[in-house]
């Protein structure tokens, strides 16, 4: 059984960008980069669908994500306090 090839994300991005430019056909890109044409089409669609996400700033995160991060920091603080209390009680 042949092992699946894991392509680096830089390679995927480069090939998908070439496919998106449509200077060469997907068949030409497939033979040039030795990747199946269905894979190139998939990468092209992913690039097309998610290209706007490149320009998202850290400040533009949805408020739910900010709240989630804040809750995680609170939980970390609580666990650290509990941990230090337990160490003190156990004499560690």
Protein backbone atom coordinates (compact mmCIF):
# COMPACT_ATOMS: atom_id res chain seq x y z
CA UNK A 1 0.00 0.00 0.00
CA UNK A 2 1.34 3.40 -1.00
CA UNK A 3 1.87 5.95 1.79
CA UNK A 4 -0.02 9.25 1.51
CA UNK A 5 2.10 12.23 0.59
CA UNK A 6 1.86 15.22 2.92
CA UNK A 7 2.64 18.38 1.00
CA UNK A 8 3.98 21.45 2.82
CA UNK A 9 1.53 24.34 3.12
CA UNK A 10 3.87 26.63 1.17
CA UNK A 11 3.80 24.22 -1.76
CA UNK A 12 0.01 23.95 -1.62
CA UNK A 13 -0.34 27.74 -1.54
CA UNK A 14 2.02 28.22 -4.48
CA UNK A 15 0.27 25.60 -6.63
CA UNK A 16 -3.20 26.87 -5.67
CA UNK A 17 -2.20 30.43 -6.52
CA UNK A 18 -0.93 29.31 -9.92
CA UNK A 19 -4.23 27.51 -10.49
CA UNK A 20 -6.19 30.57 -9.41
CA UNK A 21 -4.27 32.77 -11.86
CA UNK A 22 -5.39 30.39 -14.65
CA UNK A 23 -2.28 31.01 -16.75
CA UNK A 24 -1.83 27.23 -17.06
CA UNK A 25 -4.53 24.59 -17.01
CA UNK A 26 -4.96 22.35 -14.01
CA UNK A 27 -3.80 19.42 -16.13
CA UNK A 28 -0.57 21.26 -16.96
CA UNK A 29 -0.01 22.14 -13.30
CA UNK A 30 -0.77 18.55 -12.35
CA UNK A 31 1.91 17.13 -14.62
CA UNK A 32 4.37 19.91 -13.78
CA UNK A 33 4.12 19.47 -10.00
CA UNK A 34 3.28 15.74 -10.05
CA UNK A 35 0.08 16.23 -8.05
CA UNK A 36 -3.34 14.84 -8.94
CA UNK A 37 -5.60 17.36 -10.64
CA UNK A 38 -8.39 16.78 -8.09
CA UNK A 39 -5.99 17.79 -5.32
CA UNK A 40 -5.05 21.00 -7.14
CA UNK A 41 -8.73 21.79 -7.66
CA UNK A 42 -9.37 21.25 -3.95
CA UNK A 43 -6.47 23.55 -2.97
CA UNK A 44 -7.69 26.17 -5.44
CA UNK A 45 -11.19 26.10 -3.97
CA UNK A 46 -9.81 26.35 -0.41
CA UNK A 47 -7.68 29.33 -1.39
CA UNK A 48 -10.59 31.03 -3.13
CA UNK A 49 -12.96 30.45 -0.19
CA UNK A 50 -10.52 31.53 2.54
CA UNK A 51 -8.48 34.26 0.89
CA UNK A 52 -10.22 37.05 2.85
CA UNK A 53 -9.03 35.52 6.14
CA UNK A 54 -5.47 36.58 5.29
CA UNK A 55 -6.36 40.18 6.04
CA UNK A 56 -8.00 39.65 9.44
CA UNK A 57 -6.29 41.61 12.19
CA UNK A 58 -5.91 40.35 15.72
CA UNK A 59 -8.25 43.14 16.87
CA UNK A 60 -10.94 41.96 14.46
CA UNK A 61 -11.44 38.61 16.19
CA UNK A 62 -15.01 37.86 17.01
CA UNK A 63 -15.99 38.85 20.57
CA UNK A 64 -16.79 35.24 21.41
CA UNK A 65 -13.15 34.28 20.84
CA UNK A 66 -11.96 37.14 23.07
CA UNK A 67 -14.35 36.03 25.81
CA UNK A 68 -13.17 32.46 25.47
CA UNK A 69 -9.53 33.53 25.81
CA UNK A 70 -10.38 35.61 28.87
CA UNK A 71 -12.18 32.65 30.46
CA UNK A 72 -9.20 30.40 29.80
CA UNK A 73 -6.83 32.85 31.51
CA UNK A 74 -9.16 32.98 34.53
CA UNK A 75 -9.20 29.18 34.66
CA UNK A 76 -5.41 29.04 34.47
CA UNK A 77 -5.15 31.50 37.36
CA UNK A 78 -7.61 29.51 39.45
CA UNK A 79 -5.75 26.26 38.81
CA UNK A 80 -2.41 27.85 39.72
CA UNK A 81 -3.84 29.08 43.05
CA UNK A 82 -5.28 25.65 43.80
CA UNK A 83 -2.00 23.99 42.84
CA UNK A 84 0.07 26.23 45.12
CA UNK A 85 -2.39 25.69 47.99
CA UNK A 86 -2.19 21.92 47.56
CA UNK A 87 1.61 22.02 47.48
CA UNK A 88 1.61 24.06 50.68
CA UNK A 89 -0.79 21.66 52.43
CA UNK A 90 1.13 18.57 51.33
CA UNK A 91 4.45 20.11 52.31
CA UNK A 92 6.01 19.86 48.86
